[in-house]
Amino acid sequence: MSTPTPSDRRQRRLAQSEADRQRRQAESAAEARSRKRKRAATVSAVVVGVLVLVVIVIVIVGVLVGSGGTPASRQPDHIAMSTMFRTPAASAVVESANLGWVTDDLKDRLISFDPSNGATTASISVPGRPVALVRDGNHLWVASMVTNTVEEVSEHPLRITSKVSVPAEPSGFAILGGQLWISSVTAGEVTPLNLFTGQVGTPVPIPGGAVRIAAGFGSLWVTGTMNALTEVHPSGSVAAPTITAIKVGTGPIGVTTGDGSVWVANAVGGTVVRVNPTHRTITQTFHLGGDPLTVAVSGGRVWVADGSSDQLRTIFPQPVLAPVNLKSVPRQLLAIPSGVWVASANPGRVLAAGVDQSK
């Protein structure tokens, strides 16, 4: 066997070095591939986790929305309205246990109807253009503007039991202290009528005029022709009532009491004002525009009907309910526990309006 020469040994070392280098490269490449596979697996796991989380959130939100479990799922409250009764010209309306009562000043009639189906249950003639109506016990009182009279009407059977004369053009009623108070537009007076005896008392002149009348906080509140709201505080004796005028806006007509305040609709000025009955000051003014004619307070909400746009809306509290079109001219709002009834004309209807709280 021959002895390896230095040249042979160098060749073997070179060959061995090359083999070692190739082995190290192969090992490095394998490690790199392993790290890449691990990174890919990690990224895939993260993506899958995120997708699962998103799906879970979507499912939870869907369940909550379907069940009405979040405020975002609730639709805004709005006014729901229906027609209960049709007559040529509904001027005023009241409600008893299961019946509605409406005056029609075109047909000169007082009509009782069933609110559930709109059927007329009874009807009598009230000559003289009946424009105002109020109920006390089992008796109705009707103001007839042309004949300048107030009729007392029994409900069962429906018939006129008495008639009294009052100052010119009676237009509104309010009940306070056992007295029926009648506002008279042309006369500019309010007149007391004793509900127990049927006797008419001495008319009280209102310097600011007398259009509509409401009772509350121990006083009468009268809108007038001189842009004023007049407080009439009966003395309870033979002394004349105390009279205080409050400037409220232009063309006040509608007036009501409720929620600790007196509310006045200024038809010409397009505003509704809130009056503090103790301090006799305006605490809030609602600029509506249009022709706000009548106002009512029911269920903590203040309802206003507009005579130029034929719309009904709420103005208090926030959030207010969007206006709805009555498709007839509003003449009176009657507060009831579920909302308001609307007496309207052209065409004549009695409408029921309330808050729809659908979710």
Protein backbone atom coordinates (compact mmCIF):
# COMPACT_ATOMS: atom_id res chain seq x y z
CA MET A 1 0.00 0.00 0.00
CA SER A 2 1.47 3.31 -1.07
CA THR A 3 1.87 6.23 1.27
CA PRO A 4 -0.47 9.25 0.58
CA THR A 5 1.32 12.19 -0.76
CA PRO A 6 0.80 15.68 0.65
CA SER A 7 -1.19 16.47 -2.44
CA ASP A 8 -3.57 13.57 -1.80
CA ARG A 9 -4.10 14.61 1.81
CA ARG A 10 -4.90 18.19 0.72
CA GLN A 11 -7.47 16.91 -1.76
CA ARG A 12 -9.13 14.78 0.91
CA ARG A 13 -9.29 17.74 3.36
CA LEU A 14 -10.76 19.93 0.63
CA ALA A 15 -13.32 17.26 -0.21
CA GLN A 16 -14.16 16.85 3.48
CA SER A 17 -14.48 20.63 3.95
CA GLU A 18 -16.82 20.83 0.93
CA ALA A 19 -18.92 17.98 2.32
CA ASP A 20 -19.11 19.70 5.71
CA ARG A 21 -20.10 22.99 4.06
CA GLN A 22 -22.89 21.32 2.05
CA ARG A 23 -24.14 19.54 5.17
CA ARG A 24 -24.26 22.81 7.12
CA GLN A 25 -26.14 24.51 4.27
CA ALA A 26 -28.64 21.66 4.16
CA GLU A 27 -29.14 21.87 7.93
CA SER A 28 -29.62 25.67 7.75
CA ALA A 29 -32.15 25.32 4.95
CA ALA A 30 -34.06 22.70 6.93
CA GLU A 31 -34.13 24.95 9.99
CA ALA A 32 -35.34 27.89 7.88
CA ARG A 33 -38.13 25.76 6.40
CA SER A 34 -39.11 24.64 9.90
CA ARG A 35 -39.27 28.21 11.21
CA LYS A 36 -41.36 29.27 8.19
CA ARG A 37 -43.81 26.44 8.77
CA LYS A 38 -44.10 27.42 12.45
CA ARG A 39 -44.72 31.09 11.59
CA ALA A 40 -47.40 30.10 9.06
CA ALA A 41 -49.08 27.86 11.59
CA THR A 42 -49.07 30.67 14.19
CA VAL A 43 -50.56 33.20 11.75
CA SER A 44 -53.24 30.71 10.71
CA ALA A 45 -54.16 30.09 14.33
CA VAL A 46 -54.47 33.84 15.02
CA VAL A 47 -56.64 34.37 11.91
CA VAL A 48 -58.91 31.49 12.84
CA GLY A 49 -59.21 32.82 16.39
CA VAL A 50 -60.16 36.27 15.17
CA LEU A 51 -62.75 34.84 12.77
CA VAL A 52 -64.26 32.75 15.54
CA LEU A 53 -64.44 35.80 17.81
CA VAL A 54 -66.13 37.84 15.07
CA VAL A 55 -68.69 35.10 14.49
CA ILE A 56 -69.42 34.91 18.22
CA VAL A 57 -69.94 38.69 18.43
CA ILE A 58 -72.24 38.64 15.39
CA VAL A 59 -74.32 35.86 16.91
CA ILE A 60 -74.60 37.66 20.26
CA VAL A 61 -75.61 40.94 18.61
CA GLY A 62 -78.14 39.12 16.46
CA VAL A 63 -79.70 37.50 19.50
CA LEU A 64 -79.87 40.80 21.37
CA VAL A 65 -81.35 42.64 18.40
CA GLY A 66 -83.90 39.91 17.84
CA SER A 67 -84.94 40.02 21.47
CA GLY A 68 -84.95 43.80 21.76
CA GLY A 69 -82.18 43.58 24.33
CA THR A 70 -80.27 46.73 23.36
CA PRO A 71 -81.40 50.35 23.14
CA ALA A 72 -80.19 50.45 19.53
CA SER A 73 -82.78 47.83 18.61
CA ARG A 74 -85.70 49.99 19.76
CA GLN A 75 -87.51 52.03 17.15
CA PRO A 76 -88.26 55.67 18.09
CA ASP A 77 -91.63 56.26 19.71
CA HIS A 78 -94.15 57.81 17.34
CA ILE A 79 -97.77 58.93 17.26
CA ALA A 80 -100.29 56.25 16.33
CA MET A 81 -103.63 57.56 15.12
CA SER A 82 -107.01 56.12 14.18
CA THR A 83 -110.43 57.46 13.18
CA MET A 84 -113.15 56.60 15.68
CA PHE A 85 -116.13 58.52 14.34
CA ARG A 86 -117.13 60.58 11.30
CA THR A 87 -119.57 63.51 11.27
CA PRO A 88 -119.70 66.63 9.06
CA ALA A 89 -118.07 69.00 11.57
CA ALA A 90 -116.87 67.80 14.99
CA SER A 91 -116.53 70.88 17.20
CA ALA A 92 -116.00 69.35 20.66
CA VAL A 93 -115.73 65.91 22.23
CA VAL A 94 -115.86 64.29 25.68
CA GLU A 95 -115.48 60.70 26.86
CA SER A 96 -117.35 58.62 29.39
CA ALA A 97 -116.97 54.99 30.48
CA ASN A 98 -117.68 53.29 27.15
CA LEU A 99 -118.95 56.11 24.96
CA GLY A 100 -117.80 59.24 23.19
CA TRP A 101 -119.91 62.39 22.90
CA VAL A 102 -119.39 64.89 20.11
CA THR A 103 -121.04 68.14 19.05
CA ASP A 104 -121.49 68.85 15.34
CA ASP A 105 -121.97 72.57 14.74
CA LEU A 106 -122.86 72.06 11.09
CA LYS A 107 -125.69 69.62 11.75
CA ASP A 108 -126.50 71.27 15.13
CA ARG A 109 -126.48 67.95 16.92
CA LEU A 110 -125.07 66.22 19.99
CA ILE A 111 -124.16 62.62 19.17
CA SER A 112 -123.04 59.68 21.30
CA PHE A 113 -120.94 56.99 19.64
CA ASP A 114 -119.17 53.73 20.34
CA PRO A 115 -115.39 54.36 20.07
CA SER A 116 -114.73 50.70 19.30
CA ASN A 117 -116.67 50.61 16.03
CA GLY A 118 -117.77 54.18 15.26
CA ALA A 119 -121.48 53.39 15.54
CA THR A 120 -123.88 56.15 16.57
CA THR A 121 -125.73 55.17 19.77
CA ALA A 122 -127.93 58.26 20.19
CA SER A 123 -128.37 61.75 18.77
CA ILE A 124 -130.38 64.89 19.59
CA SER A 125 -130.81 68.31 18.01
CA VAL A 126 -129.09 71.26 19.70
CA PRO A 127 -130.06 74.34 17.66
CA GLY A 128 -127.77 77.35 17.81
CA ARG A 129 -124.37 76.02 16.70
CA PRO A 130 -123.00 73.90 19.57
CA VAL A 131 -119.26 74.61 19.85
CA ALA A 132 -118.21 73.55 23.35
CA LEU A 133 -118.93 70.49 25.46
CA VAL A 134 -118.09 69.34 28.98
CA ARG A 135 -119.20 66.45 31.19
CA ASP A 136 -119.98 66.53 34.91
CA GLY A 137 -121.28 63.35 36.51
CA ASN A 138 -124.05 61.97 34.30
CA HIS A 139 -124.79 65.32 32.74
CA LEU A 140 -123.42 67.05 29.68
CA TRP A 141 -123.28 70.79 29.12
CA VAL A 142 -123.34 72.27 25.63
CA ALA A 143 -122.52 75.88 24.64
CA SER A 144 -124.51 77.15 21.66
CA MET A 145 -122.81 80.17 20.14
CA VAL A 146 -125.62 81.57 17.95
CA THR A 147 -128.44 81.36 20.51
CA ASN A 148 -126.15 82.45 23.40
CA THR A 149 -127.36 79.58 25.54
CA VAL A 150 -126.00 76.68 27.57
CA GLU A 151 -127.95 73.43 27.47
CA GLU A 152 -127.90 70.81 30.21
CA VAL A 153 -128.26 67.31 28.76
CA SER A 154 -128.90 64.02 30.52
CA GLU A 155 -127.05 61.01 29.10
CA HIS A 156 -129.68 58.30 29.64
CA PRO A 157 -131.99 58.98 27.99
CA LEU A 158 -130.23 61.55 25.84
CA ARG A 159 -132.33 64.71 26.14
CA ILE A 160 -132.05 68.41 26.99
CA THR A 161 -133.20 68.98 30.56
CA SER A 162 -132.61 72.73 30.89
CA LYS A 163 -131.42 75.78 28.98
CA VAL A 164 -130.00 79.04 30.32
CA SER A 165 -128.98 82.28 28.66
CA VAL A 166 -125.38 83.52 28.93
CA PRO A 167 -123.38 86.48 27.54
CA ALA A 168 -122.80 86.68 23.79
CA GLU A 169 -121.04 83.84 21.95
CA PRO A 170 -120.19 81.26 24.61
CA SER A 171 -117.06 79.45 23.42
CA GLY A 172 -115.53 77.42 26.25
CA PHE A 173 -116.09 75.63 29.55
CA ALA A 174 -114.15 74.96 32.74
CA ILE A 175 -115.29 73.43 36.04
CA LEU A 176 -113.94 74.84 39.31
CA GLY A 177 -115.33 74.82 42.85
CA GLY A 178 -118.73 73.38 41.99
CA GLN A 179 -119.25 75.99 39.31
CA LEU A 180 -119.34 75.66 35.54
CA TRP A 181 -117.54 78.69 34.09
CA ILE A 182 -118.38 79.80 30.56
CA SER A 183 -116.15 82.05 28.44
CA SER A 184 -117.96 84.36 25.98
CA VAL A 185 -115.96 85.73 23.05
CA THR A 186 -118.07 88.71 21.99
CA ALA A 187 -119.00 89.74 25.53
CA GLY A 188 -115.44 89.34 26.80
CA GLU A 189 -116.72 87.80 30.03
CA VAL A 190 -116.67 84.59 32.03
CA THR A 191 -119.90 83.52 33.70
CA PRO A 192 -120.39 81.08 36.61
CA LEU A 193 -123.21 78.53 36.59
CA ASN A 194 -123.94 76.59 39.75
CA LEU A 195 -123.79 72.87 38.91
CA PHE A 196 -126.13 71.95 41.79
CA THR A 197 -128.88 74.54 41.24
CA GLY A 198 -128.41 75.38 37.56
CA GLN A 199 -128.49 79.08 38.43
CA VAL A 200 -126.36 81.53 36.46
CA GLY A 201 -124.20 83.92 38.48
CA THR A 202 -122.88 87.38 37.74
CA PRO A 203 -120.65 87.60 34.65
CA VAL A 204 -117.05 88.69 35.25
CA PRO A 205 -115.60 91.11 32.66
CA ILE A 206 -112.14 90.15 31.41
CA PRO A 207 -110.17 93.20 30.22
CA GLY A 208 -107.97 91.10 27.98
CA GLY A 209 -110.90 89.31 26.37
CA ALA A 210 -112.29 85.78 26.80
CA VAL A 211 -111.76 83.12 24.11
CA ARG A 212 -111.05 79.79 25.81
CA ILE A 213 -110.89 78.81 29.47
CA ALA A 214 -109.18 76.18 31.63
CA ALA A 215 -109.16 75.40 35.36
CA GLY A 216 -106.17 74.51 37.50
CA PHE A 217 -104.14 75.47 40.58
CA GLY A 218 -107.25 76.98 42.22
CA SER A 219 -107.84 79.48 39.42
CA LEU A 220 -109.33 79.92 35.98
CA TRP A 221 -107.03 80.70 33.05
CA VAL A 222 -108.59 82.61 30.17
CA THR A 223 -107.08 83.36 26.77
CA GLY A 224 -108.18 86.63 25.26
CA THR A 225 -108.22 88.98 22.31
CA MET A 226 -105.53 91.31 23.72
CA ASN A 227 -102.59 88.87 23.56
CA ALA A 228 -103.01 88.08 27.24
CA LEU A 229 -103.67 85.14 29.52
CA THR A 230 -105.89 86.20 32.41
CA GLU A 231 -105.91 84.44 35.76
CA VAL A 232 -109.32 84.64 37.45
CA HIS A 233 -109.15 83.59 41.09
CA PRO A 234 -112.64 83.18 42.61
CA SER A 235 -112.94 84.66 46.08
CA GLY A 236 -115.38 82.04 47.39
CA SER A 237 -117.68 84.78 48.65
CA VAL A 238 -119.75 87.61 47.27
CA ALA A 239 -116.56 89.55 46.56
CA ALA A 240 -115.44 89.80 42.95
CA PRO A 241 -112.74 87.39 41.76
CA THR A 242 -109.12 88.55 41.62
CA ILE A 243 -107.99 89.18 38.05
CA THR A 244 -104.36 89.16 36.86
CA ALA A 245 -103.26 89.55 33.23
CA ILE A 246 -100.10 87.94 31.81
CA LYS A 247 -98.66 88.78 28.40
CA VAL A 248 -98.12 85.49 26.60
CA GLY A 249 -97.84 86.08 22.84
CA THR A 250 -99.82 86.97 19.76
CA GLY A 251 -103.30 85.59 19.29
CA PRO A 252 -103.61 83.19 22.23
CA ILE A 253 -106.44 80.67 21.85
CA GLY A 254 -105.78 77.20 23.25
CA VAL A 255 -105.14 76.86 26.98
CA THR A 256 -104.77 73.94 29.38
CA THR A 257 -103.17 73.05 32.71
CA GLY A 258 -100.96 70.13 33.65
CA ASP A 259 -97.46 69.04 34.64
CA GLY A 260 -97.27 71.94 37.10
CA SER A 261 -97.83 74.61 34.45
CA VAL A 262 -100.34 76.51 32.36
CA TRP A 263 -99.86 75.99 28.61
CA VAL A 264 -101.01 78.54 26.05
CA ALA A 265 -101.13 78.15 22.25
CA ASN A 266 -100.53 81.45 20.45
CA ALA A 267 -102.17 80.90 17.07
CA VAL A 268 -100.95 84.08 15.40
CA GLY A 269 -97.48 84.07 16.91
CA GLY A 270 -96.88 80.39 16.13
CA THR A 271 -95.69 79.62 19.65
CA VAL A 272 -96.70 77.68 22.75
CA VAL A 273 -95.67 79.13 26.10
CA ARG A 274 -95.33 77.47 29.47
CA VAL A 275 -96.47 79.64 32.39
CA ASN A 276 -95.58 79.18 36.05
CA PRO A 277 -98.95 79.53 37.84
CA THR A 278 -97.39 80.69 41.11
CA HIS A 279 -95.12 83.43 39.77
CA ARG A 280 -97.24 84.11 36.65
CA THR A 281 -94.16 84.14 34.47
CA ILE A 282 -93.30 82.44 31.19
CA THR A 283 -90.73 79.74 31.87
CA GLN A 284 -90.42 78.28 28.36
CA THR A 285 -91.37 79.25 24.81
CA PHE A 286 -91.72 76.73 21.98
CA HIS A 287 -91.35 78.28 18.53
CA LEU A 288 -93.42 76.07 16.24
CA GLY A 289 -94.57 78.37 13.46
CA GLY A 290 -97.86 77.70 11.73
CA ASP A 291 -101.12 78.08 13.62
CA PRO A 292 -101.15 76.24 16.97
CA LEU A 293 -104.81 76.23 17.97
CA THR A 294 -105.34 73.79 20.79
CA VAL A 295 -103.19 72.16 23.47
CA ALA A 296 -103.61 69.30 25.96
CA VAL A 297 -101.53 67.53 28.62
CA SER A 298 -101.77 63.75 28.85
CA GLY A 299 -99.45 61.16 30.33
CA GLY A 300 -96.72 63.70 31.00
CA ARG A 301 -96.71 64.84 27.37
CA VAL A 302 -97.86 68.15 25.96
CA TRP A 303 -99.83 67.75 22.73
CA VAL A 304 -100.40 70.57 20.23
CA ALA A 305 -102.59 70.63 17.11
CA ASP A 306 -101.91 73.08 14.27
CA GLY A 307 -104.77 74.57 12.25
CA SER A 308 -102.79 75.56 9.15
CA SER A 309 -100.80 72.36 8.63
CA ASP A 310 -103.48 70.09 10.18
CA GLN A 311 -100.79 68.41 12.23
CA LEU A 312 -100.64 66.91 15.70
CA ARG A 313 -97.37 66.74 17.62
CA THR A 314 -95.86 66.69 21.09
CA ILE A 315 -93.58 69.47 22.28
CA PHE A 316 -92.65 68.28 25.77
CA PRO A 317 -90.74 66.44 27.14
CA GLN A 318 -87.77 65.52 24.98
CA PRO A 319 -87.55 63.59 22.80
CA VAL A 320 -90.65 64.99 21.14
CA LEU A 321 -92.82 62.93 18.83
CA ALA A 322 -92.74 63.80 15.13
CA PRO A 323 -95.85 65.52 13.72
CA VAL A 324 -98.57 63.46 12.05
CA ASN A 325 -101.08 64.77 9.52
CA LEU A 326 -104.67 64.74 10.79
CA LYS A 327 -106.06 65.30 7.28
CA SER A 328 -108.70 67.58 8.82
CA VAL A 329 -108.69 70.85 10.78
CA PRO A 330 -108.25 70.33 14.54
CA ARG A 331 -110.67 72.19 16.81
CA GLN A 332 -110.25 70.58 20.21
CA LEU A 333 -107.89 68.17 21.98
CA LEU A 334 -109.30 66.05 24.80
CA ALA A 335 -106.78 64.50 27.20
CA ILE A 336 -107.45 60.84 27.99
CA PRO A 337 -105.21 58.34 29.84
CA SER A 338 -103.80 56.80 26.64
CA GLY A 339 -103.21 60.07 24.75
CA VAL A 340 -105.69 62.49 23.21
CA TRP A 341 -108.89 62.57 21.22
CA VAL A 342 -109.10 65.13 18.43
CA ALA A 343 -112.32 66.82 17.32
CA SER A 344 -111.79 68.09 13.78
CA ALA A 345 -113.62 69.40 10.71
CA ASN A 346 -113.33 69.50 6.90
CA PRO A 347 -113.89 66.55 6.97
CA GLY A 348 -115.40 66.06 10.39
CA ARG A 349 -113.84 63.34 12.49
CA VAL A 350 -113.09 62.22 15.99
CA LEU A 351 -109.56 60.80 16.05
CA ALA A 352 -107.70 58.87 18.74
CA ALA A 353 -103.98 59.52 19.04
CA GLY A 354 -101.46 57.89 21.35
CA VAL A 355 -97.83 56.90 21.67
CA ASP A 356 -96.71 53.83 19.75
CA GLN A 357 -93.80 52.28 21.64
CA SER A 358 -93.04 49.47 19.20
CA LYS A 359 -89.62 47.87 19.56
